[in-house]
Structures are given as C-alpha cells and as structure tokens.
N, C-alpha and C. Protein backbone atom coordinates (compact mmCIF):
# COMPACT_ATOMS: atom_id res chain seq x y z
N MET A 1 -38.78 -40.52 36.09
CA MET A 1 -38.63 -39.60 34.90
C MET A 1 -37.30 -39.63 34.23
N ALA A 2 -37.64 -39.62 33.12
CA ALA A 2 -36.62 -39.78 32.35
C ALA A 2 -35.89 -38.54 31.88
N THR A 3 -34.50 -38.49 31.99
CA THR A 3 -33.69 -37.28 31.64
C THR A 3 -33.63 -37.15 30.18
N GLN A 4 -34.00 -36.07 29.55
CA GLN A 4 -33.64 -35.55 28.23
C GLN A 4 -32.13 -35.36 27.90
N GLU A 5 -31.66 -36.30 26.86
CA GLU A 5 -30.26 -35.91 26.67
C GLU A 5 -30.62 -34.56 25.58
N SER A 6 -29.54 -33.67 25.56
CA SER A 6 -29.08 -32.77 24.95
C SER A 6 -28.81 -32.83 23.52
N THR A 7 -29.89 -32.50 22.73
CA THR A 7 -29.23 -32.78 21.09
C THR A 7 -28.53 -31.68 20.60
N THR A 8 -28.26 -30.51 21.43
CA THR A 8 -27.29 -29.52 20.73
C THR A 8 -25.94 -30.04 20.50
N ARG A 9 -25.18 -29.49 19.79
CA ARG A 9 -23.73 -30.00 19.73
C ARG A 9 -22.85 -29.00 20.48
N PRO A 10 -21.94 -29.41 21.02
CA PRO A 10 -21.07 -28.32 21.86
C PRO A 10 -20.28 -27.49 20.88
N GLU A 11 -20.20 -26.27 21.38
CA GLU A 11 -19.74 -25.07 20.51
C GLU A 11 -18.28 -25.34 20.08
N ALA A 12 -17.77 -25.25 18.79
CA ALA A 12 -16.44 -25.37 18.65
C ALA A 12 -15.42 -24.23 19.11
N PRO A 13 -14.46 -24.47 19.72
CA PRO A 13 -13.78 -23.24 20.20
C PRO A 13 -13.34 -22.31 19.24
N ALA A 14 -13.34 -21.06 19.80
CA ALA A 14 -12.95 -19.93 18.56
C ALA A 14 -11.86 -20.26 17.86
N HIS A 15 -11.67 -20.05 16.74
CA HIS A 15 -10.44 -20.15 15.98
C HIS A 15 -9.32 -18.73 16.13
N HIS A 16 -8.48 -18.90 16.74
CA HIS A 16 -7.55 -17.62 16.94
C HIS A 16 -6.02 -17.90 16.10
N PRO A 17 -5.69 -17.38 15.08
CA PRO A 17 -4.52 -17.74 14.47
C PRO A 17 -3.37 -17.54 15.42
N LEU A 18 -2.30 -18.18 14.99
CA LEU A 18 -1.31 -18.36 15.84
C LEU A 18 -0.29 -17.32 15.22
N ALA A 19 0.49 -16.52 16.33
CA ALA A 19 1.16 -15.41 16.06
C ALA A 19 2.87 -16.11 15.92
N PRO A 20 3.36 -15.59 14.66
CA PRO A 20 4.71 -16.36 14.54
C PRO A 20 5.50 -16.21 15.88
N ALA A 21 6.28 -17.12 15.77
CA ALA A 21 7.27 -17.21 17.29
C ALA A 21 8.53 -16.69 16.74
N GLY A 22 9.13 -16.23 18.00
CA GLY A 22 10.67 -15.75 17.66
C GLY A 22 10.93 -14.46 17.03
N PRO A 23 11.98 -14.05 16.24
CA PRO A 23 12.20 -12.99 15.82
C PRO A 23 11.23 -12.32 14.86
N LEU A 24 10.44 -13.51 14.23
CA LEU A 24 9.33 -12.76 13.27
C LEU A 24 8.57 -11.81 13.67
N THR A 25 8.30 -11.77 15.06
CA THR A 25 7.27 -10.63 15.52
C THR A 25 8.19 -9.38 16.13
N ALA A 26 9.58 -9.54 15.81
CA ALA A 26 10.53 -8.62 16.40
C ALA A 26 10.64 -7.42 15.28
N VAL A 27 10.33 -7.37 14.12
CA VAL A 27 10.61 -6.38 13.20
C VAL A 27 9.47 -5.45 12.98
N PRO A 28 9.68 -4.19 13.48
CA PRO A 28 8.81 -3.53 13.57
C PRO A 28 8.31 -2.98 12.04
N ALA A 29 6.83 -2.35 11.96
CA ALA A 29 6.75 -1.87 10.62
C ALA A 29 7.39 -0.85 10.10
N PRO A 30 7.69 -0.72 8.75
CA PRO A 30 8.68 0.25 8.25
C PRO A 30 8.15 1.43 7.92
N PRO A 31 8.79 2.48 7.99
CA PRO A 31 8.05 3.80 7.57
C PRO A 31 7.34 3.60 6.05
N ALA A 32 6.66 4.40 5.57
CA ALA A 32 6.12 4.48 4.29
C ALA A 32 7.29 4.63 3.40
N ALA A 33 6.98 3.97 2.00
CA ALA A 33 8.03 4.50 0.98
C ALA A 33 8.07 5.79 0.72
N PRO A 34 9.24 6.49 0.60
CA PRO A 34 9.40 7.92 0.28
C PRO A 34 9.25 8.29 -1.11
N ASP A 35 8.58 9.71 -1.40
CA ASP A 35 8.55 9.90 -2.71
C ASP A 35 9.56 10.24 -3.58
N TRP A 36 9.75 10.21 -5.04
CA TRP A 36 10.88 10.42 -5.54
C TRP A 36 11.37 11.57 -5.17
N PRO A 37 12.73 11.79 -5.18
CA PRO A 37 13.40 12.95 -4.80
C PRO A 37 13.02 14.14 -5.57
N THR A 38 12.96 15.27 -4.78
CA THR A 38 12.81 16.46 -5.59
C THR A 38 13.71 17.19 -6.48
N TRP A 39 13.62 17.91 -7.28
CA TRP A 39 15.00 18.54 -8.13
C TRP A 39 16.11 19.00 -7.12
N GLY A 40 15.69 19.66 -6.09
CA GLY A 40 16.33 20.15 -5.08
C GLY A 40 17.23 19.15 -4.38
N GLN A 41 16.58 17.75 -4.31
CA GLN A 41 17.19 16.74 -3.83
C GLN A 41 18.32 16.33 -4.47
N ARG A 42 17.77 16.22 -5.94
CA ARG A 42 18.87 15.80 -6.89
C ARG A 42 19.93 16.37 -7.15
N MET A 43 19.55 18.05 -7.13
CA MET A 43 20.56 18.87 -7.94
C MET A 43 21.36 19.26 -6.64
N LEU A 44 21.23 19.19 -5.44
CA LEU A 44 21.99 19.74 -4.40
C LEU A 44 23.00 18.43 -4.04
N PRO A 45 24.22 18.63 -4.07
CA PRO A 45 25.10 17.39 -3.57
C PRO A 45 24.90 17.27 -2.22
N ALA A 46 25.41 16.03 -1.56
CA ALA A 46 24.85 15.77 -0.30
C ALA A 46 25.71 16.79 0.67
N PRO A 47 26.96 16.94 0.42
CA PRO A 47 27.67 17.81 1.28
C PRO A 47 26.95 19.19 1.62
N LEU A 48 26.56 19.49 0.39
CA LEU A 48 25.63 20.83 0.71
C LEU A 48 24.49 20.92 1.47
N ARG A 49 23.75 19.85 0.96
CA ARG A 49 22.45 19.17 2.11
C ARG A 49 22.84 19.36 3.51
N ASN A 50 23.71 18.76 3.51
CA ASN A 50 24.23 18.38 4.90
C ASN A 50 24.52 19.59 5.59
N LEU A 51 25.39 20.55 4.75
CA LEU A 51 25.48 21.91 5.54
C LEU A 51 24.29 22.63 5.66
N LEU A 52 23.16 22.62 4.88
CA LEU A 52 21.74 23.19 5.11
C LEU A 52 21.02 22.57 6.29
N VAL A 53 21.44 21.26 6.50
CA VAL A 53 20.79 20.48 7.56
C VAL A 53 21.53 21.43 9.02
N ASP A 54 22.50 21.35 8.99
CA ASP A 54 23.22 22.15 10.07
C ASP A 54 22.61 23.40 10.35
N LEU A 55 22.50 24.35 9.01
CA LEU A 55 21.91 25.71 9.19
C LEU A 55 20.24 25.89 9.92
N GLY A 56 19.83 24.29 9.73
CA GLY A 56 18.16 24.35 10.08
C GLY A 56 17.51 24.67 8.84
N MET A 57 18.06 24.77 7.62
CA MET A 57 17.38 25.01 6.40
C MET A 57 16.63 23.96 5.62
N TRP A 58 17.37 22.65 6.11
CA TRP A 58 17.02 21.46 5.13
C TRP A 58 16.66 20.36 6.22
N HIS A 59 15.70 19.55 6.37
CA HIS A 59 15.56 18.52 7.12
C HIS A 59 15.50 16.95 6.32
N ASN A 60 16.51 16.47 6.68
CA ASN A 60 16.62 14.91 6.53
C ASN A 60 16.10 13.90 7.24
N PRO A 61 15.39 12.87 6.56
CA PRO A 61 14.76 12.12 7.49
C PRO A 61 15.70 11.20 8.25
N GLN A 62 15.31 10.39 9.26
CA GLN A 62 16.05 10.01 10.23
C GLN A 62 16.49 8.43 9.63
N PRO A 63 17.73 8.27 9.31
CA PRO A 63 18.40 7.05 8.89
C PRO A 63 17.99 5.90 9.58
N LEU A 64 17.33 4.71 8.75
CA LEU A 64 17.15 3.42 9.59
C LEU A 64 18.30 2.45 9.58
N PRO A 65 18.02 1.61 10.50
CA PRO A 65 19.10 0.32 10.75
C PRO A 65 18.99 -0.19 9.66
N PRO A 66 19.59 -1.35 9.57
CA PRO A 66 19.51 -2.29 8.37
C PRO A 66 18.33 -3.13 8.46
N SER A 67 17.91 -3.47 9.41
CA SER A 67 16.60 -4.10 9.53
C SER A 67 15.44 -3.44 9.02
N GLY A 68 15.66 -2.13 9.33
CA GLY A 68 14.56 -1.15 8.95
C GLY A 68 14.81 -0.62 7.34
N HIS A 69 15.58 -0.81 7.20
CA HIS A 69 15.89 -0.23 5.43
C HIS A 69 15.60 -1.57 4.64
N LEU A 70 15.94 -2.92 5.11
CA LEU A 70 15.55 -3.88 4.30
C LEU A 70 14.04 -3.90 4.31
N ALA A 71 13.23 -3.87 5.55
CA ALA A 71 11.63 -3.74 5.33
C ALA A 71 11.24 -2.42 4.58
N GLN A 72 11.99 -1.44 4.53
CA GLN A 72 11.33 -0.19 3.86
C GLN A 72 11.66 -0.69 2.46
N THR A 73 12.75 -1.40 1.95
CA THR A 73 12.90 -1.32 0.59
C THR A 73 11.82 -2.30 -0.28
N ILE A 74 11.29 -3.06 0.67
CA ILE A 74 10.10 -3.98 0.36
C ILE A 74 8.73 -2.89 0.37
N THR A 75 8.42 -2.01 1.20
CA THR A 75 7.61 -1.04 0.60
C THR A 75 7.93 -0.07 -0.40
N VAL A 76 8.79 0.39 -0.75
CA VAL A 76 9.38 0.83 -2.03
C VAL A 76 9.02 -0.12 -3.27
N LEU A 77 9.32 -1.12 -3.07
CA LEU A 77 9.30 -2.11 -4.18
C LEU A 77 7.54 -2.36 -4.73
N ASP A 78 6.80 -2.25 -3.34
CA ASP A 78 5.49 -2.65 -3.59
C ASP A 78 4.83 -1.31 -4.02
N ARG A 79 5.29 -0.31 -3.50
CA ARG A 79 4.86 1.13 -4.14
C ARG A 79 5.08 1.34 -5.72
N TYR A 80 6.47 1.15 -5.97
CA TYR A 80 6.68 1.77 -7.48
C TYR A 80 6.68 0.64 -8.51
N GLY A 81 6.73 -0.73 -7.72
CA GLY A 81 6.87 -1.91 -8.67
C GLY A 81 8.16 -2.53 -8.73
N TRP A 82 8.54 -3.64 -8.81
CA TRP A 82 9.67 -4.34 -9.04
C TRP A 82 9.93 -4.45 -10.49
N CYS A 83 11.37 -4.47 -10.81
CA CYS A 83 11.78 -4.90 -12.20
C CYS A 83 13.21 -5.70 -12.05
N ARG A 84 13.62 -6.13 -13.10
CA ARG A 84 14.83 -7.05 -13.32
C ARG A 84 15.66 -6.38 -14.27
N SER A 85 16.88 -6.35 -14.18
CA SER A 85 17.82 -5.85 -15.24
C SER A 85 18.00 -4.51 -15.40
N LEU A 86 17.38 -3.55 -14.58
CA LEU A 86 17.78 -2.24 -14.47
C LEU A 86 17.49 -1.73 -13.12
N ASP A 87 18.27 -0.80 -12.75
CA ASP A 87 17.95 -0.22 -11.41
C ASP A 87 16.54 0.51 -11.36
N TYR A 88 16.47 1.27 -12.44
CA TYR A 88 15.28 2.12 -12.52
C TYR A 88 14.41 1.97 -14.19
N SER A 89 13.49 1.48 -14.18
CA SER A 89 12.93 0.98 -15.43
C SER A 89 12.29 2.52 -15.88
N PRO A 90 11.97 2.69 -17.35
CA PRO A 90 11.47 3.49 -17.92
C PRO A 90 9.99 4.05 -17.24
N THR A 91 9.34 3.00 -16.66
CA THR A 91 8.02 3.05 -16.25
C THR A 91 8.23 3.56 -14.91
N GLY A 92 9.50 3.32 -14.14
CA GLY A 92 9.61 3.93 -12.75
C GLY A 92 9.61 2.79 -11.89
N ARG A 93 9.58 1.34 -12.35
CA ARG A 93 10.00 0.41 -11.55
C ARG A 93 11.24 0.18 -11.06
N MET A 94 11.51 -0.51 -10.10
CA MET A 94 12.82 -0.83 -9.33
C MET A 94 13.15 -1.91 -9.30
N CYS A 95 14.79 -2.48 -8.81
CA CYS A 95 15.26 -3.56 -8.74
C CYS A 95 15.45 -3.31 -7.31
N ILE A 96 16.10 -4.38 -6.63
CA ILE A 96 16.20 -4.21 -5.03
C ILE A 96 17.33 -3.16 -5.08
N ARG A 97 18.61 -3.07 -5.73
CA ARG A 97 19.65 -2.06 -5.79
C ARG A 97 18.88 -0.74 -6.38
N GLY A 98 18.17 -0.59 -7.10
CA GLY A 98 17.41 0.74 -7.32
C GLY A 98 16.60 1.17 -6.24
N ALA A 99 16.13 0.58 -5.49
CA ALA A 99 15.18 0.71 -4.27
C ALA A 99 16.20 1.29 -3.09
N GLN A 100 17.36 0.83 -3.00
CA GLN A 100 18.31 1.02 -1.98
C GLN A 100 18.90 2.30 -2.40
N ASN A 101 19.06 2.57 -3.87
CA ASN A 101 19.71 3.73 -4.00
C ASN A 101 18.54 4.85 -3.90
N LEU A 102 17.18 4.94 -4.09
CA LEU A 102 16.50 5.50 -3.54
C LEU A 102 16.23 6.06 -2.15
N LEU A 103 16.41 5.08 -1.37
CA LEU A 103 16.42 5.15 -0.03
C LEU A 103 17.60 5.85 0.51
N GLU A 104 18.85 5.70 0.11
CA GLU A 104 20.00 6.15 0.37
C GLU A 104 20.06 7.75 -0.30
N LYS A 105 19.55 8.00 -1.22
CA LYS A 105 19.66 9.36 -1.96
C LYS A 105 18.66 10.28 -1.12
N THR A 106 17.42 9.62 -0.81
CA THR A 106 16.66 10.53 0.16
C THR A 106 17.01 10.57 1.59
N GLY A 107 18.11 10.02 1.98
CA GLY A 107 18.49 10.09 3.55
C GLY A 107 17.95 9.19 4.51
N HIS A 108 17.21 7.94 3.85
CA HIS A 108 16.54 7.06 4.44
C HIS A 108 17.53 5.91 5.31
N VAL A 109 18.93 5.98 4.64
CA VAL A 109 19.71 4.96 5.09
C VAL A 109 20.99 5.43 4.71
N THR A 110 21.94 5.36 5.74
CA THR A 110 23.41 5.69 5.48
C THR A 110 24.05 4.77 4.89
N PRO A 111 25.10 4.93 4.15
CA PRO A 111 26.03 4.16 3.28
C PRO A 111 26.38 2.83 4.08
N ALA A 112 26.82 2.91 5.02
CA ALA A 112 27.16 2.11 6.15
C ALA A 112 26.18 0.93 6.40
N ALA A 113 24.81 1.67 6.78
CA ALA A 113 23.73 0.47 6.94
C ALA A 113 23.19 0.22 5.77
N ARG A 114 23.37 0.51 4.91
CA ARG A 114 23.05 -0.06 3.56
C ARG A 114 23.87 -1.39 3.42
N ALA A 115 25.29 -1.14 3.44
CA ALA A 115 26.40 -2.03 3.22
C ALA A 115 26.07 -3.40 4.32
N ARG A 116 25.68 -2.99 5.42
CA ARG A 116 25.21 -4.07 6.48
C ARG A 116 24.08 -4.91 5.80
N ALA A 117 23.14 -3.97 5.23
CA ALA A 117 21.80 -5.04 4.88
C ALA A 117 22.20 -5.83 3.90
N VAL A 118 22.93 -5.28 2.96
CA VAL A 118 23.69 -5.98 1.76
C VAL A 118 24.43 -7.33 2.37
N ASP A 119 24.96 -7.32 3.37
CA ASP A 119 25.52 -8.61 4.00
C ASP A 119 24.37 -9.37 4.30
N HIS A 120 23.50 -8.76 5.01
CA HIS A 120 22.20 -9.77 5.36
C HIS A 120 21.69 -10.41 4.18
N MET A 121 21.51 -9.75 3.29
CA MET A 121 20.84 -10.20 2.22
C MET A 121 21.97 -11.52 1.51
N GLN A 122 23.16 -11.27 1.25
CA GLN A 122 24.14 -12.08 0.76
C GLN A 122 24.16 -13.40 1.80
N THR A 123 24.10 -13.10 3.13
CA THR A 123 24.10 -14.26 3.88
C THR A 123 22.90 -15.24 3.76
N VAL A 124 21.50 -14.77 3.75
CA VAL A 124 20.38 -15.28 3.27
C VAL A 124 20.60 -16.03 1.99
N LEU A 125 21.02 -15.52 0.83
CA LEU A 125 21.40 -16.45 -0.33
C LEU A 125 22.19 -17.32 -0.23
N ALA A 126 23.34 -17.20 0.70
CA ALA A 126 24.59 -18.06 0.79
C ALA A 126 23.88 -19.54 1.57
N ARG A 127 22.88 -19.09 2.67
CA ARG A 127 22.24 -20.23 3.09
C ARG A 127 21.35 -21.21 2.56
N HIS A 128 21.00 -20.62 1.21
CA HIS A 128 20.22 -21.30 0.14
C HIS A 128 21.06 -21.55 -1.24
N GLY A 129 22.39 -21.67 -0.81
CA GLY A 129 23.21 -22.04 -1.88
C GLY A 129 23.47 -21.16 -3.14
N VAL A 130 22.98 -19.75 -2.85
CA VAL A 130 23.46 -18.96 -4.02
C VAL A 130 24.53 -18.17 -3.71
N THR A 131 25.46 -18.07 -4.84
CA THR A 131 26.92 -17.44 -4.34
C THR A 131 27.13 -16.25 -5.14
N MET A 132 26.20 -15.92 -5.99
CA MET A 132 26.21 -14.60 -7.01
C MET A 132 25.53 -13.46 -6.13
N PRO A 133 26.25 -12.46 -6.69
CA PRO A 133 25.65 -11.27 -5.85
C PRO A 133 24.08 -10.90 -5.83
N PHE A 134 23.41 -10.27 -4.91
CA PHE A 134 22.02 -10.26 -4.94
C PHE A 134 21.37 -9.39 -6.10
N HIS A 135 22.20 -8.40 -6.51
CA HIS A 135 21.63 -7.76 -7.87
C HIS A 135 21.67 -8.76 -9.07
N ALA A 136 22.75 -9.76 -9.12
CA ALA A 136 22.52 -10.62 -10.32
C ALA A 136 21.49 -11.43 -10.19
N TRP A 137 21.39 -12.03 -8.87
CA TRP A 137 20.24 -13.04 -8.64
C TRP A 137 19.02 -12.16 -8.78
N ASN A 138 18.75 -11.10 -8.27
CA ASN A 138 17.50 -10.32 -8.93
C ASN A 138 17.36 -10.30 -10.16
N ASP A 139 18.39 -10.36 -11.28
CA ASP A 139 17.93 -9.97 -12.42
C ASP A 139 18.07 -11.39 -13.49
N LEU A 140 18.01 -12.52 -12.52
CA LEU A 140 17.75 -13.85 -13.27
C LEU A 140 16.37 -13.79 -13.92
N PRO A 141 16.42 -14.51 -15.30
CA PRO A 141 15.11 -14.76 -16.20
C PRO A 141 13.89 -15.24 -15.30
N HIS A 142 14.12 -16.08 -14.79
CA HIS A 142 13.20 -16.55 -14.02
C HIS A 142 12.56 -16.16 -12.72
N GLN A 143 12.92 -15.19 -12.19
CA GLN A 143 12.86 -14.53 -11.09
C GLN A 143 11.79 -13.78 -10.98
N GLN A 144 10.86 -14.00 -9.59
CA GLN A 144 9.65 -13.49 -9.46
C GLN A 144 9.63 -12.51 -8.30
N PHE A 145 8.77 -11.38 -8.00
CA PHE A 145 8.71 -10.59 -6.94
C PHE A 145 8.66 -11.55 -5.71
N SER A 146 7.82 -12.56 -5.66
CA SER A 146 7.57 -13.41 -4.45
C SER A 146 8.94 -13.79 -3.85
N ASN A 147 10.25 -14.37 -4.74
CA ASN A 147 11.37 -14.69 -4.37
C ASN A 147 12.08 -13.20 -3.82
N ILE A 148 11.82 -12.07 -4.35
CA ILE A 148 12.57 -10.74 -3.89
C ILE A 148 11.83 -10.58 -2.42
N HIS A 149 10.62 -10.71 -2.30
CA HIS A 149 9.92 -10.37 -0.97
C HIS A 149 10.44 -11.32 0.16
N THR A 150 10.58 -12.34 -0.33
CA THR A 150 11.13 -13.76 0.59
C THR A 150 12.52 -12.92 1.26
N LEU A 151 13.21 -12.95 0.23
CA LEU A 151 14.96 -12.62 0.70
C LEU A 151 14.86 -11.41 1.51
N LEU A 152 14.05 -10.25 1.07
CA LEU A 152 14.15 -9.05 1.81
C LEU A 152 13.48 -9.27 3.31
N THR A 153 12.57 -10.00 3.31
CA THR A 153 12.05 -10.37 4.68
C THR A 153 13.00 -11.13 5.63
N ARG A 154 13.40 -11.94 5.05
CA ARG A 154 14.16 -13.00 5.81
C ARG A 154 15.62 -12.06 6.10
N ALA A 155 16.20 -11.47 5.30
CA ALA A 155 17.18 -10.65 5.62
C ALA A 155 16.94 -9.46 6.53
N ALA A 156 15.83 -9.12 6.71
CA ALA A 156 15.31 -8.05 8.00
C ALA A 156 15.30 -8.66 9.11
N TYR A 157 14.77 -9.99 9.02
CA TYR A 157 14.61 -10.40 10.31
C TYR A 157 15.88 -11.12 10.94
N THR A 158 16.86 -11.35 9.96
CA THR A 158 18.10 -11.87 10.33
C THR A 158 19.28 -10.55 10.82
N ALA A 159 18.68 -9.57 10.06
CA ALA A 159 19.25 -8.11 10.86
C ALA A 159 18.81 -7.83 12.13
N ARG A 160 17.30 -8.04 12.33
CA ARG A 160 16.93 -7.52 13.78
C ARG A 160 17.32 -8.65 14.50
N ALA A 161 17.54 -9.84 14.32
CA ALA A 161 18.21 -10.89 15.38
C ALA A 161 19.55 -10.74 15.64
N ASN A 162 20.12 -9.89 14.90
CA ASN A 162 21.55 -9.47 15.20
C ASN A 162 21.55 -8.21 15.84
N GLY A 163 20.57 -7.63 15.97
CA GLY A 163 20.36 -6.26 16.84
C GLY A 163 20.56 -4.93 15.82
N GLU A 164 20.41 -5.28 14.91
CA GLU A 164 20.78 -4.16 13.63
C GLU A 164 19.16 -3.87 12.96
C-alpha cells in the first residue's frame, strides 16, 4: 500500500516583532502634555504659588527627572505643534525651548532637571558633530520635526541610561 504524501505546506511560524534591546525599553511613557497655564498660573509669581502649595491651597504637578522631561517635551510638541525661530508662534506652535518653558512654568520640571536635560541634548548633538546650541540647531532652515523627535528621544534614552 502506497503512502500518500501530504500536499499541504507547513505553516509559517507566527511573526513576532522584535522588542528593542537595552535602554530603549527603559524609558517609561511620559505623562500627557499639560494645558496652557491658566491666568492664575501666569500672573502669580512662583514664590507665591509655592507659598500657596505649602498652605494647601495650590497643587503643583510632580516634577519629572530629565529623561521624563525630554519624553514629555515630545508629547508637548506633538500636541501643540513644532516651529522654528520662535519659542511660541502666533498659532501656538513651539520650538524645543518653548516646550521646555511651558513645562517649567507649569511645574512639570525643575530648573535643575531642565538644565540636565539640555546637557543630554547637547551631548547627543556633539556625538553627531553638531557644536551649536540645541535651540540654534532647532532653528536651522532645513530642520524637520523628525530630526527634533530623534534628538529628544535619543537624549531621553541617554538620560535614562545615566539614571536620570
């Protein structure tokens, strides 16, 4: 009795995308981009707001470390839009520095953590041979948002790898 060979093909293994290795998986998802500061936030000086916090009459958000700040800067630029040459455009778009200003003004980052985030951005730019400040690099005429996104992402991974 002859055996009949199977004419069906073996099934291909299921495709599973590879997860990025190393520090790429270490950066947690950033909080959502904050709303524009209210008139109360804009008009009250920071020392007075801090006094109100101490009295329990005001609630500041929890400041993020540099890696979280850089990731949240991306969400701010995604939400409000990116521009060059202005911290804030008339239509509400922002450059990197404008997004950082918004986050600092609303209490999402401390000045020290923001300065460390800037150091990480400058380090990433220096690795690619760019010696100008990040805000000047942001304003270059040929600049695109994809480059800005890449800079902020790499700087966030660098900060996270350094424990920040």
